[in-house]
Amino acid sequence: MSIAEIKKTLEEKMDHSIDAFKNNLTKVRTGRANPALLDTVHVDYYGAMMPLSQVANLSLIDSRTIGIQPWEKGMGAKIEKAIRESDLGLNPQSMGDVIRVPMPAMTEERRKELTKVVRNEGEGAKIAIRNIRRDANEGVKKLVKDKLASEDDQKRSEA
């Protein structure tokens, strides 16, 4: 493996780690409505557990309300039940064909809890990137040891 290949895999792994961190942040419930918040909710659809996004349209009604329009009228009650039973702390309300999911206001306690969650997610991402860098630097050191790269190349490539 050459230094260029090591650098390429390093960048791919770091990008993947950053994308995972961003994805985890979208799932954190803040005061704003975000349809991605309901990605983890699964609904019983004729005996099979299906993600909510595959049995209904999810949209934003306003900045604090998610609108859910089931593709089948009979699914409304099952969708409401699935959202209530999820650990998201949301209370859906049926309004005819559309189910409204208002986001509760942020409390001081919830803000502090959210700060801890985000800090832990950030720390996990930093550790992942640190480990990726360490692995890449060890790979370059191995190339130098095996005489496949010079020490100058090693110094230039240290991430």
N, C-alpha and C. Protein backbone atom coordinates (compact mmCIF):
# COMPACT_ATOMS: atom_id res chain seq x y z
N MET A 1 0.85 -1.18 0.00
CA MET A 1 0.00 0.00 0.00
C MET A 1 0.90 1.24 0.00
N SER A 2 0.58 2.21 -0.85
CA SER A 2 1.39 3.42 -0.95
C SER A 2 0.83 4.50 -0.02
N ILE A 3 1.59 5.59 0.09
CA ILE A 3 1.16 6.70 0.93
C ILE A 3 -0.12 7.32 0.36
N ALA A 4 -0.21 7.40 -0.97
CA ALA A 4 -1.42 7.95 -1.60
C ALA A 4 -2.65 7.11 -1.26
N GLU A 5 -2.49 5.78 -1.27
CA GLU A 5 -3.62 4.91 -0.94
C GLU A 5 -4.01 5.05 0.52
N ILE A 6 -3.00 5.17 1.39
CA ILE A 6 -3.28 5.38 2.82
C ILE A 6 -4.05 6.68 3.01
N LYS A 7 -3.60 7.74 2.31
CA LYS A 7 -4.26 9.04 2.44
C LYS A 7 -5.70 8.97 1.94
N LYS A 8 -5.92 8.25 0.84
CA LYS A 8 -7.27 8.13 0.28
C LYS A 8 -8.20 7.40 1.25
N THR A 9 -7.74 6.28 1.82
CA THR A 9 -8.58 5.56 2.78
C THR A 9 -8.80 6.38 4.04
N LEU A 10 -7.78 7.15 4.44
CA LEU A 10 -7.90 8.03 5.60
C LEU A 10 -9.03 9.03 5.38
N GLU A 11 -9.03 9.68 4.22
CA GLU A 11 -10.05 10.68 3.93
C GLU A 11 -11.44 10.05 3.86
N GLU A 12 -11.54 8.86 3.25
CA GLU A 12 -12.84 8.19 3.16
C GLU A 12 -13.38 7.84 4.55
N LYS A 13 -12.51 7.31 5.40
CA LYS A 13 -12.95 6.93 6.75
C LYS A 13 -13.35 8.16 7.56
N MET A 14 -12.56 9.25 7.42
CA MET A 14 -12.89 10.47 8.16
C MET A 14 -14.21 11.06 7.68
N ASP A 15 -14.43 11.08 6.36
CA ASP A 15 -15.70 11.58 5.83
C ASP A 15 -16.87 10.74 6.33
N HIS A 16 -16.67 9.43 6.36
CA HIS A 16 -17.72 8.53 6.85
C HIS A 16 -18.01 8.82 8.33
N SER A 17 -16.98 9.05 9.11
CA SER A 17 -17.14 9.32 10.53
C SER A 17 -17.88 10.65 10.75
N ILE A 18 -17.54 11.66 9.96
CA ILE A 18 -18.20 12.96 10.08
C ILE A 18 -19.66 12.85 9.65
N ASP A 19 -19.93 12.11 8.58
CA ASP A 19 -21.32 11.92 8.14
C ASP A 19 -22.14 11.20 9.21
N ALA A 20 -21.55 10.21 9.86
CA ALA A 20 -22.25 9.50 10.93
C ALA A 20 -22.56 10.45 12.09
N PHE A 21 -21.62 11.34 12.42
CA PHE A 21 -21.83 12.32 13.47
C PHE A 21 -22.98 13.26 13.11
N LYS A 22 -22.97 13.76 11.87
CA LYS A 22 -24.05 14.65 11.43
C LYS A 22 -25.40 13.94 11.47
N ASN A 23 -25.41 12.68 11.05
CA ASN A 23 -26.64 11.89 11.06
C ASN A 23 -27.16 11.72 12.48
N ASN A 24 -26.26 11.48 13.43
CA ASN A 24 -26.67 11.33 14.83
C ASN A 24 -27.22 12.64 15.37
N LEU A 25 -26.67 13.78 14.94
CA LEU A 25 -27.16 15.07 15.42
C LEU A 25 -28.57 15.36 14.91
N THR A 26 -28.91 14.89 13.71
CA THR A 26 -30.26 15.16 13.19
C THR A 26 -31.31 14.40 13.99
N LYS A 27 -30.92 13.35 14.69
CA LYS A 27 -31.88 12.56 15.45
C LYS A 27 -32.09 13.08 16.86
N VAL A 28 -31.35 14.12 17.24
CA VAL A 28 -31.51 14.71 18.57
C VAL A 28 -32.73 15.62 18.53
N ARG A 29 -33.64 15.43 19.48
CA ARG A 29 -34.88 16.20 19.48
C ARG A 29 -34.66 17.56 20.12
N THR A 30 -34.67 18.58 19.28
CA THR A 30 -34.61 19.96 19.77
C THR A 30 -36.02 20.52 19.71
N GLY A 31 -36.18 21.81 19.84
CA GLY A 31 -37.50 22.42 19.79
C GLY A 31 -38.06 22.50 18.38
N ARG A 32 -37.21 22.35 17.37
CA ARG A 32 -37.66 22.45 15.98
C ARG A 32 -38.10 21.09 15.45
N ALA A 33 -39.09 21.12 14.59
CA ALA A 33 -39.57 19.88 13.97
C ALA A 33 -38.61 19.46 12.86
N ASN A 34 -38.36 18.16 12.77
CA ASN A 34 -37.49 17.60 11.74
C ASN A 34 -38.01 16.20 11.41
N PRO A 35 -38.45 15.96 10.17
CA PRO A 35 -38.98 14.64 9.83
C PRO A 35 -37.99 13.50 10.07
N ALA A 36 -36.69 13.78 10.03
CA ALA A 36 -35.68 12.74 10.28
C ALA A 36 -35.78 12.21 11.71
N LEU A 37 -36.41 12.97 12.58
CA LEU A 37 -36.59 12.55 13.97
C LEU A 37 -37.43 11.27 14.05
N LEU A 38 -38.30 11.06 13.08
CA LEU A 38 -39.20 9.90 13.09
C LEU A 38 -38.64 8.72 12.30
N ASP A 39 -37.38 8.79 11.87
CA ASP A 39 -36.78 7.69 11.10
C ASP A 39 -36.71 6.39 11.90
N THR A 40 -36.62 6.49 13.20
CA THR A 40 -36.48 5.29 14.02
C THR A 40 -37.83 4.64 14.36
N VAL A 41 -38.93 5.31 14.02
CA VAL A 41 -40.26 4.79 14.34
C VAL A 41 -40.66 3.75 13.29
N HIS A 42 -41.06 2.57 13.76
CA HIS A 42 -41.53 1.50 12.87
C HIS A 42 -42.99 1.20 13.18
N VAL A 43 -43.76 0.94 12.11
CA VAL A 43 -45.21 0.73 12.21
C VAL A 43 -45.54 -0.69 11.77
N ASP A 44 -46.50 -1.31 12.48
CA ASP A 44 -46.97 -2.65 12.09
C ASP A 44 -47.83 -2.51 10.83
N TYR A 45 -47.33 -3.00 9.72
CA TYR A 45 -48.01 -2.90 8.43
C TYR A 45 -48.32 -4.30 7.94
N TYR A 46 -49.52 -4.78 8.23
CA TYR A 46 -49.96 -6.13 7.86
C TYR A 46 -48.98 -7.19 8.35
N GLY A 47 -48.57 -7.08 9.59
CA GLY A 47 -47.72 -8.09 10.20
C GLY A 47 -46.23 -7.83 10.07
N ALA A 48 -45.82 -6.89 9.23
CA ALA A 48 -44.40 -6.57 9.06
C ALA A 48 -44.13 -5.20 9.66
N MET A 49 -43.00 -5.07 10.34
CA MET A 49 -42.62 -3.77 10.91
C MET A 49 -41.92 -2.95 9.82
N MET A 50 -42.55 -1.84 9.44
CA MET A 50 -42.04 -0.99 8.36
C MET A 50 -41.66 0.37 8.93
N PRO A 51 -40.61 1.01 8.39
CA PRO A 51 -40.30 2.38 8.80
C PRO A 51 -41.46 3.31 8.45
N LEU A 52 -41.68 4.30 9.27
CA LEU A 52 -42.79 5.23 9.07
C LEU A 52 -42.74 5.89 7.69
N SER A 53 -41.54 6.18 7.21
CA SER A 53 -41.40 6.86 5.91
C SER A 53 -41.85 5.98 4.75
N GLN A 54 -42.03 4.67 4.98
CA GLN A 54 -42.47 3.78 3.90
C GLN A 54 -43.97 3.51 3.92
N VAL A 55 -44.68 4.07 4.89
CA VAL A 55 -46.14 3.90 4.93
C VAL A 55 -46.88 5.24 4.94
N ALA A 56 -46.14 6.35 4.92
CA ALA A 56 -46.78 7.67 4.97
C ALA A 56 -45.84 8.74 4.43
N ASN A 57 -46.44 9.88 4.05
CA ASN A 57 -45.66 11.05 3.66
C ASN A 57 -45.39 11.88 4.91
N LEU A 58 -44.16 12.28 5.12
CA LEU A 58 -43.78 13.13 6.24
C LEU A 58 -43.48 14.52 5.71
N SER A 59 -44.04 15.54 6.34
CA SER A 59 -43.78 16.91 5.90
C SER A 59 -43.81 17.84 7.11
N LEU A 60 -43.30 19.05 6.92
CA LEU A 60 -43.35 20.06 7.97
C LEU A 60 -44.57 20.94 7.75
N ILE A 61 -45.40 21.06 8.76
CA ILE A 61 -46.55 21.96 8.68
C ILE A 61 -46.08 23.37 9.04
N ASP A 62 -45.34 23.48 10.12
CA ASP A 62 -44.65 24.72 10.48
C ASP A 62 -43.37 24.34 11.21
N SER A 63 -42.68 25.31 11.79
CA SER A 63 -41.37 25.02 12.37
C SER A 63 -41.43 24.11 13.59
N ARG A 64 -42.61 23.94 14.18
CA ARG A 64 -42.72 23.12 15.38
C ARG A 64 -43.68 21.94 15.21
N THR A 65 -44.14 21.67 13.99
CA THR A 65 -45.12 20.60 13.78
C THR A 65 -44.78 19.77 12.55
N ILE A 66 -44.78 18.45 12.72
CA ILE A 66 -44.59 17.52 11.61
C ILE A 66 -45.96 17.00 11.19
N GLY A 67 -46.21 16.96 9.89
CA GLY A 67 -47.46 16.42 9.37
C GLY A 67 -47.20 15.05 8.76
N ILE A 68 -48.07 14.09 9.09
CA ILE A 68 -47.94 12.73 8.57
C ILE A 68 -49.23 12.39 7.84
N GLN A 69 -49.11 12.04 6.56
CA GLN A 69 -50.28 11.66 5.78
C GLN A 69 -50.12 10.20 5.37
N PRO A 70 -50.85 9.29 6.05
CA PRO A 70 -50.74 7.86 5.71
C PRO A 70 -51.21 7.59 4.29
N TRP A 71 -50.58 6.63 3.64
CA TRP A 71 -50.98 6.26 2.29
C TRP A 71 -52.28 5.47 2.31
N GLU A 72 -52.56 4.80 3.42
CA GLU A 72 -53.82 4.08 3.58
C GLU A 72 -54.55 4.68 4.78
N LYS A 73 -55.83 4.95 4.62
CA LYS A 73 -56.60 5.61 5.69
C LYS A 73 -56.63 4.80 6.98
N GLY A 74 -56.62 3.48 6.90
CA GLY A 74 -56.70 2.64 8.08
C GLY A 74 -55.43 2.60 8.91
N MET A 75 -54.35 3.18 8.41
CA MET A 75 -53.06 3.13 9.12
C MET A 75 -52.92 4.23 10.16
N GLY A 76 -53.82 5.20 10.18
CA GLY A 76 -53.69 6.35 11.08
C GLY A 76 -53.53 5.96 12.54
N ALA A 77 -54.40 5.08 13.03
CA ALA A 77 -54.35 4.67 14.44
C ALA A 77 -53.05 3.93 14.75
N LYS A 78 -52.60 3.08 13.83
CA LYS A 78 -51.35 2.34 14.06
C LYS A 78 -50.15 3.27 14.09
N ILE A 79 -50.16 4.29 13.22
CA ILE A 79 -49.06 5.25 13.20
C ILE A 79 -49.03 6.05 14.49
N GLU A 80 -50.20 6.52 14.94
CA GLU A 80 -50.27 7.26 16.20
C GLU A 80 -49.74 6.41 17.36
N LYS A 81 -50.16 5.15 17.40
CA LYS A 81 -49.73 4.24 18.47
C LYS A 81 -48.22 4.05 18.44
N ALA A 82 -47.66 3.86 17.25
CA ALA A 82 -46.21 3.65 17.12
C ALA A 82 -45.42 4.87 17.59
N ILE A 83 -45.92 6.06 17.28
CA ILE A 83 -45.22 7.29 17.70
C ILE A 83 -45.31 7.45 19.21
N ARG A 84 -46.50 7.19 19.78
CA ARG A 84 -46.66 7.30 21.24
C ARG A 84 -45.76 6.32 21.98
N GLU A 85 -45.64 5.09 21.44
CA GLU A 85 -44.85 4.06 22.11
C GLU A 85 -43.35 4.22 21.89
N SER A 86 -42.95 5.06 20.94
CA SER A 86 -41.51 5.30 20.75
C SER A 86 -41.01 6.10 21.95
N ASP A 87 -39.71 6.12 22.15
CA ASP A 87 -39.15 6.83 23.31
C ASP A 87 -38.84 8.29 23.00
N LEU A 88 -39.56 8.87 22.03
CA LEU A 88 -39.28 10.24 21.62
C LEU A 88 -40.04 11.27 22.45
N GLY A 89 -41.04 10.85 23.21
CA GLY A 89 -41.80 11.77 24.04
C GLY A 89 -42.71 12.68 23.22
N LEU A 90 -43.24 12.17 22.11
CA LEU A 90 -44.12 12.96 21.25
C LEU A 90 -45.56 12.49 21.41
N ASN A 91 -46.51 13.43 21.18
CA ASN A 91 -47.93 13.12 21.32
C ASN A 91 -48.66 13.49 20.03
N PRO A 92 -48.86 12.53 19.12
CA PRO A 92 -49.51 12.83 17.85
C PRO A 92 -51.00 13.11 18.02
N GLN A 93 -51.54 13.95 17.12
CA GLN A 93 -52.96 14.29 17.15
C GLN A 93 -53.53 14.07 15.75
N SER A 94 -54.64 13.33 15.67
CA SER A 94 -55.27 13.03 14.39
C SER A 94 -56.19 14.18 13.99
N MET A 95 -56.00 14.67 12.76
CA MET A 95 -56.82 15.75 12.21
C MET A 95 -57.36 15.31 10.86
N GLY A 96 -58.31 14.39 10.85
CA GLY A 96 -58.84 13.87 9.59
C GLY A 96 -57.83 12.94 8.94
N ASP A 97 -57.42 13.29 7.73
CA ASP A 97 -56.47 12.45 6.99
C ASP A 97 -55.03 12.66 7.45
N VAL A 98 -54.76 13.77 8.11
CA VAL A 98 -53.39 14.13 8.50
C VAL A 98 -53.20 13.95 10.00
N ILE A 99 -52.05 13.41 10.37
CA ILE A 99 -51.68 13.29 11.78
C ILE A 99 -50.67 14.38 12.06
N ARG A 100 -50.97 15.21 13.04
CA ARG A 100 -50.05 16.30 13.41
C ARG A 100 -49.23 15.84 14.61
N VAL A 101 -47.92 16.12 14.56
CA VAL A 101 -47.04 15.79 15.67
C VAL A 101 -46.35 17.08 16.12
N PRO A 102 -46.92 17.76 17.14
CA PRO A 102 -46.29 19.00 17.62
C PRO A 102 -45.06 18.69 18.48
N MET A 103 -44.05 19.52 18.34
CA MET A 103 -42.84 19.38 19.14
C MET A 103 -43.04 20.13 20.45
N PRO A 104 -42.84 19.46 21.58
CA PRO A 104 -42.99 20.16 22.86
C PRO A 104 -41.90 21.22 23.03
N ALA A 105 -42.23 22.26 23.78
CA ALA A 105 -41.27 23.34 24.03
C ALA A 105 -40.09 22.80 24.85
N MET A 106 -38.94 23.40 24.62
CA MET A 106 -37.73 22.98 25.34
C MET A 106 -37.78 23.51 26.78
N THR A 107 -37.49 22.64 27.72
CA THR A 107 -37.38 23.06 29.11
C THR A 107 -35.90 23.21 29.45
N GLU A 108 -35.62 23.85 30.56
CA GLU A 108 -34.23 24.03 30.98
C GLU A 108 -33.57 22.67 31.22
N GLU A 109 -34.32 21.76 31.83
CA GLU A 109 -33.79 20.42 32.09
C GLU A 109 -33.46 19.70 30.78
N ARG A 110 -34.36 19.83 29.80
CA ARG A 110 -34.14 19.18 28.50
C ARG A 110 -32.93 19.79 27.79
N ARG A 111 -32.74 21.10 27.92
CA ARG A 111 -31.58 21.75 27.30
C ARG A 111 -30.27 21.21 27.87
N LYS A 112 -30.23 21.05 29.18
CA LYS A 112 -29.01 20.52 29.82
C LYS A 112 -28.76 19.08 29.39
N GLU A 113 -29.83 18.29 29.33
CA GLU A 113 -29.71 16.90 28.89
C GLU A 113 -29.22 16.85 27.43
N LEU A 114 -29.76 17.73 26.61
CA LEU A 114 -29.38 17.80 25.20
C LEU A 114 -27.91 18.19 25.05
N THR A 115 -27.44 19.10 25.89
CA THR A 115 -26.04 19.51 25.86
C THR A 115 -25.14 18.31 26.14
N LYS A 116 -25.51 17.50 27.12
CA LYS A 116 -24.71 16.32 27.44
C LYS A 116 -24.70 15.33 26.29
N VAL A 117 -25.86 15.11 25.66
CA VAL A 117 -25.95 14.16 24.55
C VAL A 117 -25.08 14.61 23.39
N VAL A 118 -25.18 15.89 23.03
CA VAL A 118 -24.40 16.42 21.91
C VAL A 118 -22.91 16.39 22.23
N ARG A 119 -22.55 16.70 23.46
CA ARG A 119 -21.13 16.66 23.86
C ARG A 119 -20.59 15.23 23.74
N ASN A 120 -21.37 14.25 24.18
CA ASN A 120 -20.94 12.85 24.07
C ASN A 120 -20.81 12.41 22.61
N GLU A 121 -21.75 12.83 21.76
CA GLU A 121 -21.68 12.50 20.33
C GLU A 121 -20.42 13.12 19.72
N GLY A 122 -20.14 14.37 20.06
CA GLY A 122 -18.95 15.05 19.55
C GLY A 122 -17.68 14.38 20.02
N GLU A 123 -17.65 13.97 21.27
CA GLU A 123 -16.47 13.29 21.80
C GLU A 123 -16.26 11.96 21.09
N GLY A 124 -17.34 11.24 20.84
CA GLY A 124 -17.23 9.97 20.11
C GLY A 124 -16.68 10.18 18.71
N ALA A 125 -17.12 11.24 18.03
CA ALA A 125 -16.62 11.53 16.68
C ALA A 125 -15.14 11.90 16.73
N LYS A 126 -14.74 12.68 17.73
CA LYS A 126 -13.31 13.05 17.86
C LYS A 126 -12.45 11.82 18.08
N ILE A 127 -12.92 10.92 18.93
CA ILE A 127 -12.15 9.69 19.20
C ILE A 127 -12.03 8.85 17.94
N ALA A 128 -13.12 8.75 17.18
CA ALA A 128 -13.09 7.97 15.94
C ALA A 128 -12.07 8.55 14.96
N ILE A 129 -12.06 9.87 14.81
CA ILE A 129 -11.12 10.51 13.88
C ILE A 129 -9.69 10.36 14.39
N ARG A 130 -9.50 10.48 15.70
CA ARG A 130 -8.16 10.30 16.27
C ARG A 130 -7.64 8.89 15.98
N ASN A 131 -8.49 7.89 16.13
CA ASN A 131 -8.09 6.51 15.86
C ASN A 131 -7.76 6.30 14.38
N ILE A 132 -8.54 6.93 13.50
CA ILE A 132 -8.28 6.82 12.07
C ILE A 132 -6.92 7.44 11.74
N ARG A 133 -6.62 8.61 12.30
CA ARG A 133 -5.32 9.26 12.08
C ARG A 133 -4.19 8.38 12.57
N ARG A 134 -4.36 7.82 13.77
CA ARG A 134 -3.32 6.98 14.34
C ARG A 134 -3.04 5.78 13.43
N ASP A 135 -4.10 5.14 12.95
CA ASP A 135 -3.93 3.99 12.07
C ASP A 135 -3.19 4.37 10.79
N ALA A 136 -3.54 5.54 10.22
CA ALA A 136 -2.87 5.98 8.99
C ALA A 136 -1.40 6.28 9.26
N ASN A 137 -1.10 6.95 10.37
CA ASN A 137 0.30 7.25 10.70
C ASN A 137 1.10 5.97 10.94
N GLU A 138 0.48 4.98 11.56
CA GLU A 138 1.16 3.70 11.76
C GLU A 138 1.42 3.00 10.43
N GLY A 139 0.48 3.13 9.50
CA GLY A 139 0.67 2.55 8.17
C GLY A 139 1.85 3.18 7.44
N VAL A 140 1.98 4.51 7.56
CA VAL A 140 3.10 5.20 6.93
C VAL A 140 4.41 4.80 7.60
N LYS A 141 4.42 4.69 8.92
CA LYS A 141 5.63 4.27 9.63
C LYS A 141 6.06 2.87 9.19
N LYS A 142 5.09 2.01 8.95
CA LYS A 142 5.40 0.66 8.48
C LYS A 142 6.04 0.71 7.09
N LEU A 143 5.55 1.61 6.23
CA LEU A 143 6.15 1.76 4.90
C LEU A 143 7.60 2.22 5.00
N VAL A 144 7.87 3.15 5.92
CA VAL A 144 9.24 3.64 6.12
C VAL A 144 10.12 2.52 6.65
N LYS A 145 9.58 1.75 7.59
CA LYS A 145 10.34 0.64 8.17
C LYS A 145 10.68 -0.41 7.12
N ASP A 146 9.74 -0.65 6.20
CA ASP A 146 9.95 -1.64 5.13
C ASP A 146 10.72 -1.05 3.95
N LYS A 147 11.17 0.21 4.09
CA LYS A 147 11.94 0.92 3.06
C LYS A 147 11.14 1.15 1.77
N LEU A 148 9.81 1.26 1.89
CA LEU A 148 8.97 1.55 0.73
C LEU A 148 8.68 3.04 0.60
N ALA A 149 9.06 3.81 1.64
CA ALA A 149 8.91 5.26 1.62
C ALA A 149 10.03 5.86 2.46
N SER A 150 10.39 7.11 2.13
CA SER A 150 11.47 7.76 2.88
C SER A 150 10.90 8.46 4.11
N GLU A 151 11.82 8.86 5.00
CA GLU A 151 11.38 9.58 6.20
C GLU A 151 10.83 10.95 5.83
N ASP A 152 11.34 11.54 4.74
CA ASP A 152 10.80 12.81 4.27
C ASP A 152 9.33 12.65 3.86
N ASP A 153 9.04 11.54 3.16
CA ASP A 153 7.66 11.26 2.77
C ASP A 153 6.78 11.09 4.01
N GLN A 154 7.35 10.46 5.03
CA GLN A 154 6.61 10.25 6.27
C GLN A 154 6.26 11.59 6.91
N LYS A 155 7.23 12.50 7.00
CA LYS A 155 6.98 13.80 7.62
C LYS A 155 5.95 14.61 6.83
N ARG A 156 6.03 14.53 5.49
CA ARG A 156 5.08 15.26 4.65
C ARG A 156 3.66 14.70 4.78
N SER A 157 3.55 13.41 5.01
CA SER A 157 2.23 12.78 5.00
C SER A 157 1.57 12.70 6.37
N GLU A 158 2.27 13.04 7.43
CA GLU A 158 1.66 12.94 8.75
C GLU A 158 0.43 13.83 8.82
N ALA A 159 -0.65 13.21 9.22
CA ALA A 159 -1.93 13.92 9.27
C ALA A 159 -2.17 14.50 10.63
